[in-house]
Every structure is written in structure tokens, then in C-alpha cells.
């Protein structure tokens, strides 16, 4: 049998201003929506580095960190267990 990593989520939801989240946290969809929220948060793409004030990339003079996952690597990952 497969273990659902999102089966025993805490009862208290994280604070949010997201109207979709607030709507789906109510009613019969709540148990399923909470799993979707948790899975989405666990599998987010890392935020892209923003350019600094002079238009240069933050990493322009630094060696690229090989531990960061590229978008191509992310695209080729298997689906998370919640999907």
C-alpha cells in the first residue's frame, strides 16, 4: 500500500490572503484542498534571482550554485506523490 504524505495535516491552516485558498478551505472540498495546498508548497519551483539596481544578475560575478535545480531538471522530475 502507498502512504499518503499529506494524510495527517495539522488542523490549523497557514494564514493567507488568497481568495481561492480561503474559499476552498470551507465546505466539502476542505480535506482535498488542504492536501493540494501542502503538496504545492512542498513542490514549488525555487524563486528566480532578480536583477539588482544596475541591471546585473545577482550571480553575475559568482560561480553558479550547482545544488540549485534548473527548470529543465524540474520539468523532468516525476510527479509528486499527491498527484
Protein backbone atom coordinates (compact mmCIF):
# COMPACT_ATOMS: atom_id res chain seq x y z
CA UNK A 1 0.00 0.00 0.00
CA UNK A 2 1.09 3.57 -0.71
CA UNK A 3 1.42 6.00 2.19
CA UNK A 4 -0.12 9.43 1.61
CA UNK A 5 2.35 12.02 2.98
CA UNK A 6 -0.49 14.55 3.25
CA UNK A 7 -2.95 12.36 5.17
CA UNK A 8 -2.29 13.81 8.66
CA UNK A 9 -2.01 17.56 8.16
CA UNK A 10 -2.31 19.88 11.18
CA UNK A 11 -5.83 21.22 11.74
CA UNK A 12 -4.70 24.86 11.74
CA UNK A 13 -4.26 26.42 8.28
CA UNK A 14 -1.45 28.81 7.45
CA UNK A 15 -2.52 32.46 7.20
CA UNK A 16 -3.25 33.63 3.66
CA UNK A 17 -4.96 36.38 1.69
CA UNK A 18 -5.52 34.07 -1.30
CA UNK A 19 -9.25 34.17 -2.08
CA UNK A 20 -9.18 30.77 -3.82
CA UNK A 21 -7.49 29.18 -0.78
CA UNK A 22 -9.93 30.80 1.63
CA UNK A 23 -12.91 29.60 -0.43
CA UNK A 24 -11.74 26.02 -0.88
CA UNK A 25 -10.77 25.68 2.79
CA UNK A 26 -14.50 25.70 3.51
CA UNK A 27 -17.13 23.06 2.82
CA UNK A 28 -16.79 19.56 1.41
CA UNK A 29 -13.62 20.29 -0.59
CA UNK A 30 -11.57 21.19 2.52
CA UNK A 31 -9.76 17.84 3.06
CA UNK A 32 -8.74 17.61 -0.59
CA UNK A 33 -7.81 21.28 -0.93
CA UNK A 34 -5.57 21.15 2.15
CA UNK A 35 -3.64 18.29 0.52
CA UNK A 36 -3.29 20.31 -2.70
CA UNK A 37 -2.02 23.36 -0.77
CA UNK A 38 0.54 21.30 1.16
CA UNK A 39 1.74 19.44 -1.93
CA UNK A 40 2.01 22.64 -3.95
CA UNK A 41 4.05 24.31 -1.22
CA UNK A 42 6.36 21.28 -0.94
CA UNK A 43 6.98 21.19 -4.69
CA UNK A 44 7.30 24.89 -5.63
CA UNK A 45 9.96 25.98 -8.06
CA UNK A 46 12.69 28.00 -6.37
CA UNK A 47 12.27 31.74 -6.89
CA UNK A 48 14.30 33.18 -9.73
CA UNK A 49 17.10 35.56 -8.85
CA UNK A 50 16.16 39.17 -9.55
CA UNK A 51 18.44 41.70 -11.19
CA UNK A 52 20.00 44.32 -8.94
CA UNK A 53 19.71 48.10 -9.49
CA UNK A 54 22.39 48.30 -12.18
CA UNK A 55 20.76 45.58 -14.30
CA UNK A 56 23.27 42.88 -13.46
CA UNK A 57 22.21 39.47 -12.27
CA UNK A 58 22.87 38.84 -8.57
CA UNK A 59 25.11 35.92 -9.58
CA UNK A 60 26.99 37.69 -12.39
CA UNK A 61 30.32 37.57 -10.57
CA UNK A 62 29.68 34.40 -8.64
CA UNK A 63 30.07 30.78 -9.62
CA UNK A 64 26.68 29.21 -10.26
CA UNK A 65 25.43 27.06 -7.38
CA UNK A 66 25.20 23.50 -8.69
CA UNK A 67 22.83 22.48 -5.89
CA UNK A 68 20.02 24.59 -7.38
CA UNK A 69 17.66 22.71 -9.66
CA UNK A 70 17.37 24.06 -13.20
CA UNK A 71 13.97 24.50 -14.84
CA UNK A 72 14.83 21.69 -17.27
CA UNK A 73 15.62 19.35 -14.37
CA UNK A 74 12.38 20.39 -12.69
CA UNK A 75 10.39 19.68 -15.86
CA UNK A 76 11.79 16.14 -15.96
CA UNK A 77 11.03 15.29 -12.32
CA UNK A 78 8.38 12.64 -11.67
CA UNK A 79 5.00 13.85 -10.37
CA UNK A 80 4.88 14.39 -6.61
CA UNK A 81 3.10 11.66 -4.61
CA UNK A 82 0.00 13.81 -4.07
CA UNK A 83 -0.91 13.94 -7.77
